[in-house]
Protein backbone atom coordinates (compact mmCIF):
# COMPACT_ATOMS: atom_id res chain seq x y z
CA MET A 1 0.00 0.00 0.28
CA LYS A 2 2.78 2.86 0.60
CA ARG A 3 4.33 1.43 -2.60
CA HIS A 4 0.94 2.15 -4.28
CA VAL A 5 0.45 6.09 -2.60
CA LEU A 6 4.51 6.55 -3.14
CA LEU A 7 3.81 5.64 -6.96
CA PHE A 8 0.39 7.77 -7.33
CA GLY A 9 2.15 10.78 -5.23
CA LEU A 10 5.45 10.59 -7.44
CA VAL A 11 3.09 10.15 -10.84
CA GLY A 12 1.12 12.92 -9.19
CA GLY A 13 3.86 15.27 -8.99
CA VAL A 14 5.28 14.77 -12.17
CA LEU A 15 2.16 15.73 -14.08
CA ILE A 16 1.90 18.76 -11.60
CA ALA A 17 5.03 19.60 -13.05
CA ILE A 18 4.18 18.87 -16.87
CA LEU A 19 1.22 21.07 -16.10
CA GLN A 20 3.11 23.32 -14.71
CA TYR A 21 5.03 23.84 -17.80
CA THR A 22 2.85 23.54 -20.41
CA GLU A 23 0.95 26.97 -18.66
CA TYR A 24 4.36 28.25 -18.80
CA ARG A 25 4.72 27.90 -21.88
CA PHE A 26 1.20 29.23 -23.22
CA VAL A 27 1.88 31.91 -20.87
CA VAL A 28 5.35 33.35 -22.21
CA ILE A 29 5.47 31.63 -25.77
CA GLU A 30 2.36 32.14 -27.35
CA HIS A 31 1.73 35.34 -25.38
CA SER A 32 4.93 36.89 -25.94
CA VAL A 33 3.97 39.29 -27.92
CA GLU A 34 1.27 40.68 -26.06
CA MET A 35 3.85 40.98 -22.74
CA TYR A 36 6.64 42.62 -24.80
CA THR A 37 3.82 45.29 -25.90
CA ALA A 38 2.68 46.06 -22.45
CA LEU A 39 5.70 46.24 -20.84
CA VAL A 40 7.05 48.48 -23.95
CA ALA A 41 3.62 50.59 -23.24
CA LEU A 42 4.19 50.10 -19.35
CA LEU A 43 8.02 52.15 -20.32
CA PHE A 44 6.62 54.49 -22.44
CA ALA A 45 4.05 55.73 -19.92
CA THR A 46 6.42 56.23 -17.02
CA PHE A 47 8.97 58.21 -19.38
CA GLY A 48 5.93 60.53 -20.33
CA ILE A 49 4.89 60.87 -16.99
CA TRP A 50 7.95 61.54 -15.82
CA LEU A 51 8.82 64.12 -18.53
CA GLY A 52 5.72 65.96 -18.37
CA LEU A 53 6.49 66.06 -14.63
CA ARG A 54 9.92 67.63 -15.04
CA ILE A 55 8.95 69.84 -17.48
CA THR A 56 6.56 71.63 -15.42
CA ARG A 57 8.51 72.01 -12.61
CA SER A 58 11.20 73.53 -14.41
CA ARG A 59 8.59 75.89 -15.79
CA GLU A 60 7.39 77.09 -12.21
CA THR A 61 10.90 77.69 -10.83
CA ILE A 62 11.60 79.68 -14.11
CA ARG A 63 11.28 83.25 -12.75
CA GLU A 64 11.30 86.58 -14.72
CA ARG A 65 14.17 88.38 -13.09
CA VAL A 66 13.32 92.58 -13.81
CA VAL A 67 16.24 94.88 -13.59
CA VAL A 68 15.89 98.36 -12.52
CA ARG A 69 18.60 101.05 -13.12
CA GLU A 70 18.85 104.28 -11.71
CA VAL A 71 20.30 106.67 -14.85
CA LEU A 72 21.30 110.03 -13.44
CA VAL A 73 20.53 112.84 -15.83
CA PRO A 74 22.79 116.31 -15.21
CA ALA A 75 20.50 119.10 -14.60
CA ASP A 76 21.65 121.11 -18.04
CA THR A 77 20.36 118.68 -20.20
CA LEU A 78 17.39 118.45 -19.18
CA ALA A 79 14.84 120.73 -21.45
CA LEU A 80 12.98 123.56 -20.11
CA GLU A 81 11.18 123.81 -23.09
CA PRO A 82 8.92 121.29 -24.51
CA PHE A 83 10.61 119.52 -27.62
CA VAL A 84 9.09 120.42 -31.23
CA PRO A 85 9.77 118.25 -34.00
CA ASN A 86 11.67 119.21 -36.90
CA ALA A 87 8.78 120.04 -39.25
CA ALA A 88 10.70 120.06 -41.77
CA GLN A 89 12.07 117.04 -41.74
CA GLN A 90 9.00 115.19 -41.26
CA GLN A 91 7.27 117.23 -44.37
CA THR A 92 10.09 116.09 -46.42
CA LEU A 93 9.74 112.70 -45.32
CA GLY A 94 6.09 112.15 -45.40
CA ILE A 95 5.75 111.26 -41.95
CA THR A 96 2.43 112.21 -40.32
CA ALA A 97 0.94 113.33 -37.17
CA ARG A 98 -0.20 109.70 -36.59
CA GLU A 99 3.16 108.21 -37.42
CA LEU A 100 5.06 110.18 -35.37
CA GLU A 101 2.33 110.12 -32.35
CA ILE A 102 3.33 106.32 -32.41
CA LEU A 103 7.26 107.00 -32.98
CA THR A 104 7.17 108.93 -29.76
CA LEU A 105 5.46 106.13 -28.36
CA ILE A 106 7.71 103.51 -29.20
CA ALA A 107 11.02 105.90 -28.59
CA ARG A 108 8.79 105.48 -24.72
CA GLY A 109 9.62 101.64 -24.90
CA LEU A 110 5.86 100.87 -25.07
CA SER A 111 5.13 97.79 -27.07
CA ASN A 112 2.31 97.72 -29.77
CA ARG A 113 -0.42 96.52 -27.74
CA GLU A 114 0.32 99.50 -24.82
CA ILE A 115 0.19 101.83 -27.87
CA ALA A 116 -3.53 100.46 -29.39
CA GLU A 117 -4.69 100.88 -25.61
CA GLN A 118 -3.39 104.40 -25.28
CA LEU A 119 -4.31 105.60 -28.53
CA PHE A 120 -7.58 103.68 -28.54
CA VAL A 121 -7.38 101.78 -31.78
CA SER A 122 -6.33 98.11 -32.25
CA GLU A 123 -3.06 96.70 -32.68
CA ASN A 124 -3.33 95.95 -36.32
CA THR A 125 -3.48 99.62 -36.89
CA VAL A 126 -0.66 99.81 -34.57
CA LYS A 127 1.41 97.43 -36.81
CA THR A 128 0.55 99.29 -39.87
CA HIS A 129 1.41 102.89 -38.86
CA CYS A 130 4.83 101.39 -37.27
CA ALA A 131 5.35 99.64 -41.00
CA ARG A 132 5.22 102.60 -42.85
CA THR A 133 6.72 104.63 -40.34
CA PHE A 134 9.82 102.23 -40.35
CA ASP A 135 9.74 102.31 -44.27
CA LYS A 136 9.80 106.17 -44.48
CA LEU A 137 12.34 106.30 -42.20
CA GLY A 138 14.56 103.09 -44.04
CA ALA A 139 14.62 101.12 -40.50
CA ALA A 140 13.95 97.67 -40.28
CA ARG A 141 13.85 97.39 -36.37
CA ARG A 142 12.52 99.16 -33.61
CA THR A 143 15.70 100.34 -32.05
CA GLN A 144 17.22 101.52 -35.56
CA ALA A 145 13.76 103.78 -36.20
CA VAL A 146 13.99 105.55 -32.94
CA GLN A 147 17.66 106.04 -33.53
CA ARG A 148 16.81 106.99 -36.92
CA GLY A 149 14.12 109.71 -35.53
CA LYS A 150 16.27 111.11 -33.16
CA GLU A 151 19.13 112.04 -36.03
CA LEU A 152 16.56 113.60 -37.89
CA GLY A 153 15.43 115.49 -34.74
CA LEU A 154 11.57 114.32 -34.92
CA LEU A 155 12.52 112.85 -31.37
CA PRO A 156 13.79 114.40 -28.29
């Protein structure tokens, strides 16, 4: 009787081992494509989350730095009388009063949006006036237009 129990136990163990091996083979070998796909998807999802967190954290840590410098102007250079633009140059170049007004606001450092708000016009109107003024002054950028306006006596 002990022999039969031992034999049945041994046969049962071998059968269980065969079943485990076939189950392993079925899961790993037969479904390997699905397993690798899931693994790759998991890796990409993890990388995407990590990258997203890193990008959003870096944007939060960027702070705007404003540098304020005090510029001393000698008292003798301060004009007591208001500046009058050179009308002859203005007429020669064909710059209108509105274009000169916008050029003055550009010289003060205002953006197109700020100029539009101050003059109660659209931002596109300001862009049009800027483009025409730049063409008349032969300037490609705002700083060139301001410099040229000062050279011609249109700006203080």
